[in-house]
C-alpha atoms as a PDB file:
ATOM      1  CA  MET A   1      47.101 144.644  74.682  1.00  0.00           C
ATOM      2  CA  THR A   2      50.697 144.243  75.824  1.00  0.00           C
ATOM      3  CA  ALA A   3      49.616 143.894  79.428  1.00  0.00           C
ATOM      4  CA  VAL A   4      47.150 141.153  78.463  1.00  0.00           C
ATOM      5  CA  LEU A   5      49.854 139.301  76.511  1.00  0.00           C
ATOM      6  CA  VAL A   6      52.298 139.518  79.419  1.00  0.00           C
ATOM      7  CA  SER A   7      49.612 138.266  81.790  1.00  0.00           C
ATOM      8  CA  GLN A   8      48.827 135.333  79.494  1.00  0.00           C
ATOM      9  CA  LEU A   9      52.509 134.418  79.207  1.00  0.00           C
ATOM     10  CA  ALA A  10      52.944 134.573  82.970  1.00  0.00           C
ATOM     11  CA  THR A  11      49.869 132.405  83.497  1.00  0.00           C
ATOM     12  CA  SER A  12      51.105 129.923  80.905  1.00  0.00           C
ATOM     13  CA  SER A  13      54.538 129.715  82.538  1.00  0.00           C
ATOM     14  CA  LEU A  14      52.951 129.199  85.938  1.00  0.00           C
ATOM     15  CA  ASN A  15      50.722 126.443  84.586  1.00  0.00           C
ATOM     16  CA  ILE A  16      53.714 124.702  82.988  1.00  0.00           C
ATOM     17  CA  ALA A  17      55.730 124.905  86.209  1.00  0.00           C
ATOM     18  CA  THR A  18      52.774 123.657  88.241  1.00  0.00           C
ATOM     19  CA  HIS A  19      52.258 120.786  85.823  1.00  0.00           C
ATOM     20  CA  ARG A  20      55.929 119.797  85.996  1.00  0.00           C
ATOM     21  CA  VAL A  21      55.958 119.857  89.782  1.00  0.00           C
ATOM     22  CA  GLY A  22      52.659 117.987  89.925  1.00  0.00           C
ATOM     23  CA  THR A  23      53.723 115.237  87.540  1.00  0.00           C
ATOM     24  CA  SER A  24      57.352 114.806  88.615  1.00  0.00           C
ATOM     25  CA  TRP A  25      57.693 116.289  92.096  1.00  0.00           C
ATOM     26  CA  GLU A  26      59.694 113.248  93.187  1.00  0.00           C
ATOM     27  CA  TRP A  27      62.384 114.130  90.664  1.00  0.00           C
ATOM     28  CA  TYR A  28      62.847 117.562  92.220  1.00  0.00           C
ATOM     29  CA  ILE A  29      63.355 115.987  95.642  1.00  0.00           C
ATOM     30  CA  ILE A  30      65.789 113.458  94.154  1.00  0.00           C
ATOM     31  CA  ARG A  31      67.830 116.252  92.595  1.00  0.00           C
ATOM     32  CA  ALA A  32      67.737 118.393  95.743  1.00  0.00           C
ATOM     33  CA  ALA A  33      68.835 115.471  97.922  1.00  0.00           C
ATOM     34  CA  GLY A  34      71.568 114.582  95.445  1.00  0.00           C
ATOM     35  CA  PHE A  35      72.952 118.114  95.354  1.00  0.00           C
ATOM     36  CA  THR A  36      72.731 118.301  99.151  1.00  0.00           C
ATOM     37  CA  ALA A  37      74.658 115.031  99.481  1.00  0.00           C
ATOM     38  CA  ALA A  38      77.303 116.257  97.033  1.00  0.00           C
ATOM     39  CA  ALA A  39      77.704 119.536  98.917  1.00  0.00           C
ATOM     40  CA  LEU A  40      78.023 117.692 102.234  1.00  0.00           C
ATOM     41  CA  VAL A  41      80.664 115.335 100.840  1.00  0.00           C
ATOM     42  CA  ILE A  42      82.673 118.324  99.627  1.00  0.00           C
ATOM     43  CA  LEU A  43      82.315 120.113 102.971  1.00  0.00           C
ATOM     44  CA  LEU A  44      83.304 116.943 104.827  1.00  0.00           C
ATOM     45  CA  MET A  45      86.373 116.533 102.626  1.00  0.00           C
ATOM     46  CA  LEU A  46      87.418 120.143 103.176  1.00  0.00           C
ATOM     47  CA  SER A  47      86.672 119.873 106.888  1.00  0.00           C
ATOM     48  CA  GLY A  48      88.734 116.696 107.210  1.00  0.00           C
ATOM     49  CA  ILE A  49      91.633 118.171 105.256  1.00  0.00           C
ATOM     50  CA  GLY A  50      91.402 121.313 107.377  1.00  0.00           C
ATOM     51  CA  GLN A  51      91.559 119.316 110.603  1.00  0.00           C
ATOM     52  CA  VAL A  52      94.632 117.403 109.440  1.00  0.00           C
ATOM     53  CA  THR A  53      96.442 120.535 108.274  1.00  0.00           C
ATOM     54  CA  GLY A  54      95.205 122.603 111.232  1.00  0.00           C
ATOM     55  CA  LEU A  55      93.498 125.187 109.022  1.00  0.00           C
ATOM     56  CA  THR A  56      90.039 124.423 110.459  1.00  0.00           C
ATOM     57  CA  TYR A  57      91.218 125.245 113.975  1.00  0.00           C
ATOM     58  CA  ARG A  58      91.854 128.830 112.979  1.00  0.00           C
ATOM     59  CA  PHE A  59      88.077 129.240 112.827  1.00  0.00           C
ATOM     60  CA  LEU A  60      86.721 126.561 115.188  1.00  0.00           C
ATOM     61  CA  GLU A  61      87.853 124.914 118.389  1.00  0.00           C
ATOM     62  CA  PRO A  62      88.748 121.207 117.965  1.00  0.00           C
ATOM     63  CA  VAL A  63      85.672 119.946 119.831  1.00  0.00           C
ATOM     64  CA  LYS A  64      83.334 122.182 117.845  1.00  0.00           C
ATOM     65  CA  ALA A  65      85.064 121.238 114.594  1.00  0.00           C
ATOM     66  CA  TRP A  66      84.606 117.525 115.283  1.00  0.00           C
ATOM     67  CA  THR A  67      80.974 118.025 116.350  1.00  0.00           C
ATOM     68  CA  LEU A  68      80.234 119.902 113.134  1.00  0.00           C
ATOM     69  CA  HIS A  69      82.048 117.237 111.094  1.00  0.00           C
ATOM     70  CA  LYS A  70      79.971 114.497 112.721  1.00  0.00           C
ATOM     71  CA  ALA A  71      76.711 116.417 112.212  1.00  0.00           C
ATOM     72  CA  MET A  72      77.470 116.877 108.509  1.00  0.00           C
ATOM     73  CA  ALA A  73      78.223 113.140 108.178  1.00  0.00           C
ATOM     74  CA  ILE A  74      74.861 112.219 109.720  1.00  0.00           C
ATOM     75  CA  ALA A  75      73.109 114.756 107.482  1.00  0.00           C
ATOM     76  CA  LEU A  76      74.889 113.175 104.501  1.00  0.00           C
ATOM     77  CA  CYS A  77      73.460 109.748 105.383  1.00  0.00           C
ATOM     78  CA  PHE A  78      69.993 111.254 105.648  1.00  0.00           C
ATOM     79  CA  SER A  79      70.360 113.001 102.257  1.00  0.00           C
ATOM     80  CA  ILE A  80      71.458 109.754 100.600  1.00  0.00           C
ATOM     81  CA  PHE A  81      68.505 107.929 102.158  1.00  0.00           C
ATOM     82  CA  ILE A  82      66.092 110.538 100.738  1.00  0.00           C
ATOM     83  CA  HIS A  83      67.826 110.412  97.345  1.00  0.00           C
ATOM     84  CA  VAL A  84      67.532 106.622  97.080  1.00  0.00           C
ATOM     85  CA  SER A  85      64.034 106.379  98.591  1.00  0.00           C
ATOM     86  CA  PHE A  86      62.520 108.845  96.161  1.00  0.00           C
ATOM     87  CA  LEU A  87      64.170 107.110  93.223  1.00  0.00           C
ATOM     88  CA  LEU A  88      61.925 104.179  94.142  1.00  0.00           C
ATOM     89  CA  LEU A  89      58.871 106.447  94.158  1.00  0.00           C
ATOM     90  CA  ASP A  90      59.670 108.302  90.959  1.00  0.00           C
ATOM     91  CA  HIS A  91      57.651 107.142  87.946  1.00  0.00           C
ATOM     92  CA  PHE A  92      59.654 109.019  85.327  1.00  0.00           C
ATOM     93  CA  VAL A  93      62.727 106.752  85.684  1.00  0.00           C
ATOM     94  CA  SER A  94      61.845 103.322  86.974  1.00  0.00           C
ATOM     95  CA  PHE A  95      64.160 101.607  89.467  1.00  0.00           C
ATOM     96  CA  ASN A  96      63.515  98.629  91.704  1.00  0.00           C
ATOM     97  CA  ILE A  97      65.097  98.111  95.121  1.00  0.00           C
ATOM     98  CA  TRP A  98      67.744  95.699  93.837  1.00  0.00           C
ATOM     99  CA  GLN A  99      68.878  98.077  91.105  1.00  0.00           C
ATOM    100  CA  LEU A 100      69.451 100.728  93.765  1.00  0.00           C
ATOM    101  CA  LEU A 101      71.218  98.459  96.250  1.00  0.00           C
ATOM    102  CA  ILE A 102      73.277  96.130  94.055  1.00  0.00           C
ATOM    103  CA  PRO A 103      75.911  97.570  91.691  1.00  0.00           C
ATOM    104  CA  PHE A 104      75.707  96.748  87.980  1.00  0.00           C
ATOM    105  CA  ARG A 105      72.082  95.584  88.160  1.00  0.00           C
ATOM    106  CA  SER A 106      70.607  98.724  86.586  1.00  0.00           C
ATOM    107  CA  HIS A 107      70.425  99.311  82.830  1.00  0.00           C
ATOM    108  CA  TYR A 108      69.734 103.030  83.206  1.00  0.00           C
ATOM    109  CA  ASN A 109      70.771 105.101  80.182  1.00  0.00           C
ATOM    110  CA  ASN A 110      70.462 108.882  80.100  1.00  0.00           C
ATOM    111  CA  GLY A 111      72.521 109.367  76.947  1.00  0.00           C
ATOM    112  CA  THR A 112      75.843 110.154  78.627  1.00  0.00           C
ATOM    113  CA  THR A 113      78.792 108.552  76.853  1.00  0.00           C
ATOM    114  CA  PHE A 114      82.565 108.386  77.015  1.00  0.00           C
ATOM    115  CA  ALA A 115      84.517 107.207  73.973  1.00  0.00           C
ATOM    116  CA  GLY A 116      81.251 105.909  72.541  1.00  0.00           C
ATOM    117  CA  MET A 117      80.393 103.848  75.641  1.00  0.00           C
ATOM    118  CA  ALA A 118      77.110 104.456  77.496  1.00  0.00           C
ATOM    119  CA  LEU A 119      77.892 105.430  81.083  1.00  0.00           C
ATOM    120  CA  GLY A 120      74.492 105.912  82.709  1.00  0.00           C
ATOM    121  CA  SER A 121      74.321 102.406  84.170  1.00  0.00           C
ATOM    122  CA  LEU A 122      77.948 102.477  85.284  1.00  0.00           C
ATOM    123  CA  ALA A 123      77.401 105.844  86.957  1.00  0.00           C
ATOM    124  CA  ILE A 124      74.496 104.403  88.964  1.00  0.00           C
ATOM    125  CA  SER A 125      76.854 101.675  90.186  1.00  0.00           C
ATOM    126  CA  PHE A 126      79.388 104.338  91.166  1.00  0.00           C
ATOM    127  CA  GLY A 127      76.693 106.004  93.258  1.00  0.00           C
ATOM    128  CA  ILE A 128      75.786 102.728  94.981  1.00  0.00           C
ATOM    129  CA  LEU A 129      79.414 102.001  95.823  1.00  0.00           C
ATOM    130  CA  ALA A 130      79.832 105.553  97.141  1.00  0.00           C
ATOM    131  CA  MET A 131      76.729 105.074  99.302  1.00  0.00           C
ATOM    132  CA  TYR A 132      78.161 101.942 100.920  1.00  0.00           C
ATOM    133  CA  GLY A 133      81.477 103.714 101.402  1.00  0.00           C
ATOM    134  CA  VAL A 134      79.715 106.532 103.267  1.00  0.00           C
ATOM    135  CA  VAL A 135      77.893 104.043 105.511  1.00  0.00           C
ATOM    136  CA  ILE A 136      81.148 102.258 106.364  1.00  0.00           C
ATOM    137  CA  ILE A 137      82.982 105.508 107.108  1.00  0.00           C
ATOM    138  CA  VAL A 138      80.208 106.995 109.259  1.00  0.00           C
ATOM    139  CA  LEU A 139      79.518 103.811 111.252  1.00  0.00           C
ATOM    140  CA  SER A 140      83.225 103.218 111.884  1.00  0.00           C
ATOM    141  CA  SER A 141      83.637 106.835 112.971  1.00  0.00           C
ATOM    142  CA  LEU A 142      80.725 106.639 115.395  1.00  0.00           C
ATOM    143  CA  GLY A 143      81.724 103.261 116.818  1.00  0.00           C
ATOM    144  CA  TRP A 144      85.494 102.871 116.507  1.00  0.00           C
ATOM    145  CA  ILE A 145      87.077 106.298 116.817  1.00  0.00           C
ATOM    146  CA  ASP A 146      87.782 105.740 120.520  1.00  0.00           C
ATOM    147  CA  THR A 147      88.228 101.955 120.593  1.00  0.00           C
ATOM    148  CA  HIS A 148      89.813 100.978 117.251  1.00  0.00           C
ATOM    149  CA  LYS A 149      91.649 104.113 116.166  1.00  0.00           C
ATOM    150  CA  LYS A 150      93.976 102.401 113.685  1.00  0.00           C
ATOM    151  CA  ALA A 151      91.110 100.645 111.870  1.00  0.00           C
ATOM    152  CA  TRP A 152      89.063 103.849 111.939  1.00  0.00           C
ATOM    153  CA  ARG A 153      91.956 105.822 110.457  1.00  0.00           C
ATOM    154  CA  TRP A 154      92.482 103.377 107.593  1.00  0.00           C
ATOM    155  CA  LEU A 155      88.772 103.165 106.843  1.00  0.00           C
ATOM    156  CA  HIS A 156      88.656 106.949 106.746  1.00  0.00           C
ATOM    157  CA  TYR A 157      90.966 106.889 103.730  1.00  0.00           C
ATOM    158  CA  LEU A 158      88.014 105.304 101.947  1.00  0.00           C
ATOM    159  CA  SER A 159      86.524 108.821 101.836  1.00  0.00           C
ATOM    160  CA  TYR A 160      88.851 109.644  98.942  1.00  0.00           C
ATOM    161  CA  ALA A 161      87.421 106.807  96.859  1.00  0.00           C
ATOM    162  CA  VAL A 162      83.912 107.888  97.879  1.00  0.00           C
ATOM    163  CA  PHE A 163      84.550 111.389  96.553  1.00  0.00           C
ATOM    164  CA  VAL A 164      85.840 110.083  93.214  1.00  0.00           C
ATOM    165  CA  LEU A 165      82.838 107.745  92.851  1.00  0.00           C
ATOM    166  CA  MET A 166      80.413 110.525  93.789  1.00  0.00           C
ATOM    167  CA  PHE A 167      82.115 112.892  91.344  1.00  0.00           C
ATOM    168  CA  LEU A 168      81.741 110.409  88.465  1.00  0.00           C
ATOM    169  CA  HIS A 169      78.176 109.613  89.532  1.00  0.00           C
ATOM    170  CA  GLY A 170      77.249 113.287  89.331  1.00  0.00           C
ATOM    171  CA  VAL A 171      78.928 113.821  85.975  1.00  0.00           C
ATOM    172  CA  TYR A 172      77.422 110.826  84.195  1.00  0.00           C
ATOM    173  CA  ALA A 173      74.204 109.865  86.034  1.00  0.00           C
ATOM    174  CA  GLY A 174      72.473 113.198  86.498  1.00  0.00           C
ATOM    175  CA  THR A 175      70.844 115.640  84.128  1.00  0.00           C
ATOM    176  CA  ASP A 176      72.029 119.023  85.450  1.00  0.00           C
ATOM    177  CA  LEU A 177      75.738 118.223  85.079  1.00  0.00           C
ATOM    178  CA  ARG A 178      75.641 116.801  81.568  1.00  0.00           C
ATOM    179  CA  TYR A 179      76.808 119.973  79.864  1.00  0.00           C
ATOM    180  CA  GLY A 180      77.328 123.711  80.187  1.00  0.00           C
ATOM    181  CA  SER A 181      78.663 125.844  83.011  1.00  0.00           C
ATOM    182  CA  PHE A 182      77.365 123.537  85.743  1.00  0.00           C
ATOM    183  CA  ARG A 183      79.418 120.652  84.361  1.00  0.00           C
ATOM    184  CA  LEU A 184      82.512 122.838  83.988  1.00  0.00           C
ATOM    185  CA  GLY A 185      82.109 124.145  87.533  1.00  0.00           C
ATOM    186  CA  TRP A 186      81.694 120.618  88.883  1.00  0.00           C
ATOM    187  CA  ILE A 187      84.873 119.468  87.117  1.00  0.00           C
ATOM    188  CA  ILE A 188      86.875 122.453  88.387  1.00  0.00           C
ATOM    189  CA  LEU A 189      85.607 121.852  91.916  1.00  0.00           C
ATOM    190  CA  GLY A 190      86.527 118.174  91.633  1.00  0.00           C
ATOM    191  CA  LEU A 191      90.077 119.059  90.603  1.00  0.00           C
ATOM    192  CA  ILE A 192      90.381 121.419  93.579  1.00  0.00           C
ATOM    193  CA  ILE A 193      89.280 118.678  95.976  1.00  0.00           C
ATOM    194  CA  ILE A 194      91.688 116.187  94.399  1.00  0.00           C
ATOM    195  CA  ILE A 195      94.548 118.648  94.941  1.00  0.00           C
ATOM    196  CA  GLY A 196      93.403 118.963  98.555  1.00  0.00           C
ATOM    197  CA  ILE A 197      93.355 115.166  98.903  1.00  0.00           C
ATOM    198  CA  ALA A 198      96.926 114.944  97.602  1.00  0.00           C
ATOM    199  CA  SER A 199      97.939 117.621 100.108  1.00  0.00           C
ATOM    200  CA  ARG A 200      96.335 115.731 102.962  1.00  0.00           C
ATOM    201  CA  LEU A 201      97.987 112.452 101.985  1.00  0.00           C
ATOM    202  CA  ARG A 202     101.347 114.172 101.788  1.00  0.00           C
ATOM    203  CA  ARG A 203     100.774 115.773 105.190  1.00  0.00           C
ATOM    204  CA  ALA A 204      99.827 112.411 106.679  1.00  0.00           C
ATOM    205  CA  GLY A 205     102.980 110.856 105.248  1.00  0.00           C
ATOM    206  CA  SER A 206     101.214 108.360 103.013  1.00  0.00           C
ATOM    207  CA  LEU A 207     102.823 109.576  99.806  1.00  0.00           C
ATOM    208  CA  SER A 208     106.288 109.796 101.268  1.00  0.00           C
ATOM    209  CA  GLU A 209     105.998 106.292 102.732  1.00  0.00           C
ATOM    210  CA  THR A 210     104.895 104.971  99.353  1.00  0.00           C
ATOM    211  CA  ASP A 211     107.818 106.684  97.630  1.00  0.00           C
ATOM    212  CA  SER A 212     110.352 105.301 100.102  1.00  0.00           C
ATOM    213  CA  SER A 213     109.065 101.751  99.661  1.00  0.00           C
ATOM    214  CA  ASP A 214     109.488 101.821  95.850  1.00  0.00           C
END
């Protein structure tokens, strides 16, 4: 009797999972691509900070470190493309092309709030702005690193803004980071990266130059 009940429960769970995948498989790809993009942004930030501080070169030669950094950046662009493309295909949450390409056009609301203000739509705009920031950084790195080093270096500082926008996008636009341990872990990780960003700016002299000009 117990074995039959266990078998029925297992079959029921399998049917539910199959139904969910069958009816909203696009959403799983969207989430996977989003998490992949977030992980790549974090790895790129840590890699960049490590190259400035020299920590990365304890594990990788400079040429290999740069090659890996570039490969992760290209993979990030691909992940973002998949994330946005499947949002167009998904039928659970309806977006049109303009809502995914133009900030502040979407009226998406997933129930996330801050001080009583709905943040779903704003978080989508954060994601769009972060996407454009990534495109600018990657294209400038591929095309200007050898010919326009000063412009490339200044545009690379845009990566800090991209991280902040991506962090807010994940906190307020998604479903997995709305509450619980995942949200807490994401916030702790964000604080760690921000500390790393401050360290990199200090190492580059940006903070000291700002202080001396005040």
